[in-house]
């Protein structure tokens, strides 16, 4: 059941990566230059309030500089790349090895 949950998370992260990559490619074609939007810009365009709340929660519960050290570098990366890495990690967690059939199996 846990593996299925991680496979579902992997699928959702892959869909988000495809969506972010599609948006970037549409913007690139429209502007005739390469456009790569960072995860922070996508989050800011989606909901500014939740971004500020997440930053305040990190400052309050973890450390005041934890956002700048750990999260800000991730938010500056391209959104499609971050979601692709998350999809890969979730897939690896939820991966099930094929069963060994044995020496005398047909």
C-alpha atoms as a PDB file:
ATOM      1  CA  UNK A   1       0.000   0.000   0.000  1.00  0.00           C
ATOM      2  CA  UNK A   2       2.849   2.377   0.776  1.00  0.00           C
ATOM      3  CA  UNK A   3       4.480   1.546  -2.552  1.00  0.00           C
ATOM      4  CA  UNK A   4       1.272   2.387  -4.356  1.00  0.00           C
ATOM      5  CA  UNK A   5       1.177   5.728  -2.569  1.00  0.00           C
ATOM      6  CA  UNK A   6       4.720   6.558  -3.686  1.00  0.00           C
ATOM      7  CA  UNK A   7       3.914   5.460  -7.240  1.00  0.00           C
ATOM      8  CA  UNK A   8       0.931   7.811  -7.186  1.00  0.00           C
ATOM      9  CA  UNK A   9       3.143  10.639  -5.922  1.00  0.00           C
ATOM     10  CA  UNK A  10       5.588   9.839  -8.710  1.00  0.00           C
ATOM     11  CA  UNK A  11       2.816  10.034 -11.282  1.00  0.00           C
ATOM     12  CA  UNK A  12       1.598  13.366  -9.918  1.00  0.00           C
ATOM     13  CA  UNK A  13       5.120  14.806  -9.923  1.00  0.00           C
ATOM     14  CA  UNK A  14       5.606  13.594 -13.500  1.00  0.00           C
ATOM     15  CA  UNK A  15       2.352  15.242 -14.580  1.00  0.00           C
ATOM     16  CA  UNK A  16       3.458  18.487 -12.890  1.00  0.00           C
ATOM     17  CA  UNK A  17       6.833  18.281 -14.689  1.00  0.00           C
ATOM     18  CA  UNK A  18       5.135  17.783 -18.042  1.00  0.00           C
ATOM     19  CA  UNK A  19       2.760  20.666 -17.315  1.00  0.00           C
ATOM     20  CA  UNK A  20       5.618  23.008 -16.323  1.00  0.00           C
ATOM     21  CA  UNK A  21       7.678  21.968 -19.344  1.00  0.00           C
ATOM     22  CA  UNK A  22       4.717  22.540 -21.648  1.00  0.00           C
ATOM     23  CA  UNK A  23       4.153  26.022 -20.239  1.00  0.00           C
ATOM     24  CA  UNK A  24       7.831  26.864 -20.707  1.00  0.00           C
ATOM     25  CA  UNK A  25       7.829  25.561 -24.274  1.00  0.00           C
ATOM     26  CA  UNK A  26       4.710  27.570 -25.153  1.00  0.00           C
ATOM     27  CA  UNK A  27       6.292  30.715 -23.728  1.00  0.00           C
ATOM     28  CA  UNK A  28       9.528  29.950 -25.591  1.00  0.00           C
ATOM     29  CA  UNK A  29       7.741  29.641 -28.918  1.00  0.00           C
ATOM     30  CA  UNK A  30       5.711  32.790 -28.263  1.00  0.00           C
ATOM     31  CA  UNK A  31       8.770  34.894 -27.416  1.00  0.00           C
ATOM     32  CA  UNK A  32      11.152  33.267 -29.946  1.00  0.00           C
ATOM     33  CA  UNK A  33      13.725  32.702 -27.206  1.00  0.00           C
ATOM     34  CA  UNK A  34      14.301  30.060 -24.566  1.00  0.00           C
ATOM     35  CA  UNK A  35      12.155  30.617 -21.475  1.00  0.00           C
ATOM     36  CA  UNK A  36      12.724  28.497 -18.372  1.00  0.00           C
ATOM     37  CA  UNK A  37      10.597  29.405 -15.364  1.00  0.00           C
ATOM     38  CA  UNK A  38      11.852  28.623 -11.889  1.00  0.00           C
ATOM     39  CA  UNK A  39       9.821  26.749  -9.314  1.00  0.00           C
ATOM     40  CA  UNK A  40       9.710  29.873  -7.147  1.00  0.00           C
ATOM     41  CA  UNK A  41       8.189  31.918  -9.963  1.00  0.00           C
ATOM     42  CA  UNK A  42       5.554  29.256 -10.604  1.00  0.00           C
ATOM     43  CA  UNK A  43       4.717  29.121  -6.894  1.00  0.00           C
ATOM     44  CA  UNK A  44       4.600  32.908  -6.670  1.00  0.00           C
ATOM     45  CA  UNK A  45       2.272  33.117  -9.687  1.00  0.00           C
ATOM     46  CA  UNK A  46       0.066  30.385  -8.245  1.00  0.00           C
ATOM     47  CA  UNK A  47      -0.302  31.652  -4.664  1.00  0.00           C
ATOM     48  CA  UNK A  48       1.809  34.380  -3.055  1.00  0.00           C
ATOM     49  CA  UNK A  49       0.225  33.946   0.370  1.00  0.00           C
ATOM     50  CA  UNK A  50       1.166  30.263   0.694  1.00  0.00           C
ATOM     51  CA  UNK A  51       4.750  31.053  -0.304  1.00  0.00           C
ATOM     52  CA  UNK A  52       4.984  33.678   2.447  1.00  0.00           C
ATOM     53  CA  UNK A  53       3.340  31.315   4.950  1.00  0.00           C
ATOM     54  CA  UNK A  54       5.791  28.526   4.108  1.00  0.00           C
ATOM     55  CA  UNK A  55       8.737  30.873   4.545  1.00  0.00           C
ATOM     56  CA  UNK A  56       7.382  32.079   7.896  1.00  0.00           C
ATOM     57  CA  UNK A  57       6.774  28.499   9.048  1.00  0.00           C
ATOM     58  CA  UNK A  58      10.356  27.539   8.187  1.00  0.00           C
ATOM     59  CA  UNK A  59      11.659  30.572  10.062  1.00  0.00           C
ATOM     60  CA  UNK A  60       9.511  29.834  13.112  1.00  0.00           C
ATOM     61  CA  UNK A  61       9.735  26.039  13.423  1.00  0.00           C
ATOM     62  CA  UNK A  62      13.115  25.131  11.939  1.00  0.00           C
ATOM     63  CA  UNK A  63      15.552  28.043  11.773  1.00  0.00           C
ATOM     64  CA  UNK A  64      15.499  31.612  10.557  1.00  0.00           C
ATOM     65  CA  UNK A  65      18.101  30.925   7.863  1.00  0.00           C
ATOM     66  CA  UNK A  66      16.842  27.456   6.868  1.00  0.00           C
ATOM     67  CA  UNK A  67      14.775  28.886   4.049  1.00  0.00           C
ATOM     68  CA  UNK A  68      17.773  30.673   2.543  1.00  0.00           C
ATOM     69  CA  UNK A  69      20.096  27.658   2.912  1.00  0.00           C
ATOM     70  CA  UNK A  70      17.837  24.769   1.927  1.00  0.00           C
ATOM     71  CA  UNK A  71      14.710  25.910   0.111  1.00  0.00           C
ATOM     72  CA  UNK A  72      15.752  29.019  -1.839  1.00  0.00           C
ATOM     73  CA  UNK A  73      18.290  27.121  -4.005  1.00  0.00           C
ATOM     74  CA  UNK A  74      15.593  24.575  -4.901  1.00  0.00           C
ATOM     75  CA  UNK A  75      13.103  27.326  -5.719  1.00  0.00           C
ATOM     76  CA  UNK A  76      15.596  28.922  -8.105  1.00  0.00           C
ATOM     77  CA  UNK A  77      15.855  25.736 -10.205  1.00  0.00           C
ATOM     78  CA  UNK A  78      13.641  25.132 -13.261  1.00  0.00           C
ATOM     79  CA  UNK A  79      10.248  23.807 -12.220  1.00  0.00           C
ATOM     80  CA  UNK A  80      10.203  20.925 -14.694  1.00  0.00           C
ATOM     81  CA  UNK A  81      13.599  19.696 -13.480  1.00  0.00           C
ATOM     82  CA  UNK A  82      12.589  19.774  -9.805  1.00  0.00           C
ATOM     83  CA  UNK A  83       9.405  17.834 -10.522  1.00  0.00           C
ATOM     84  CA  UNK A  84      11.285  15.315 -12.670  1.00  0.00           C
ATOM     85  CA  UNK A  85      13.745  14.675  -9.837  1.00  0.00           C
ATOM     86  CA  UNK A  86      10.865  14.288  -7.377  1.00  0.00           C
ATOM     87  CA  UNK A  87       9.122  11.872  -9.752  1.00  0.00           C
ATOM     88  CA  UNK A  88      12.291   9.795 -10.018  1.00  0.00           C
ATOM     89  CA  UNK A  89      12.816   9.720  -6.251  1.00  0.00           C
ATOM     90  CA  UNK A  90       9.215   8.712  -5.554  1.00  0.00           C
ATOM     91  CA  UNK A  91       9.384   6.059  -8.261  1.00  0.00           C
ATOM     92  CA  UNK A  92      12.583   4.650  -6.769  1.00  0.00           C
ATOM     93  CA  UNK A  93      10.982   4.490  -3.311  1.00  0.00           C
ATOM     94  CA  UNK A  94       7.894   2.754  -4.682  1.00  0.00           C
ATOM     95  CA  UNK A  95       9.774   0.413  -7.023  1.00  0.00           C
ATOM     96  CA  UNK A  96       9.182  -3.295  -6.597  1.00  0.00           C
ATOM     97  CA  UNK A  97      11.827  -5.683  -7.825  1.00  0.00           C
ATOM     98  CA  UNK A  98      10.653  -8.428 -10.136  1.00  0.00           C
ATOM     99  CA  UNK A  99      10.338 -11.697  -8.307  1.00  0.00           C
ATOM    100  CA  UNK A 100      12.989 -14.270  -8.919  1.00  0.00           C
ATOM    101  CA  UNK A 101      11.293 -17.184 -10.650  1.00  0.00           C
ATOM    102  CA  UNK A 102      13.852 -19.766  -9.668  1.00  0.00           C
ATOM    103  CA  UNK A 103      16.233 -22.033 -11.486  1.00  0.00           C
ATOM    104  CA  UNK A 104      13.766 -24.596 -12.820  1.00  0.00           C
ATOM    105  CA  UNK A 105      10.871 -22.348 -13.765  1.00  0.00           C
ATOM    106  CA  UNK A 106       9.560 -22.270 -17.298  1.00  0.00           C
END
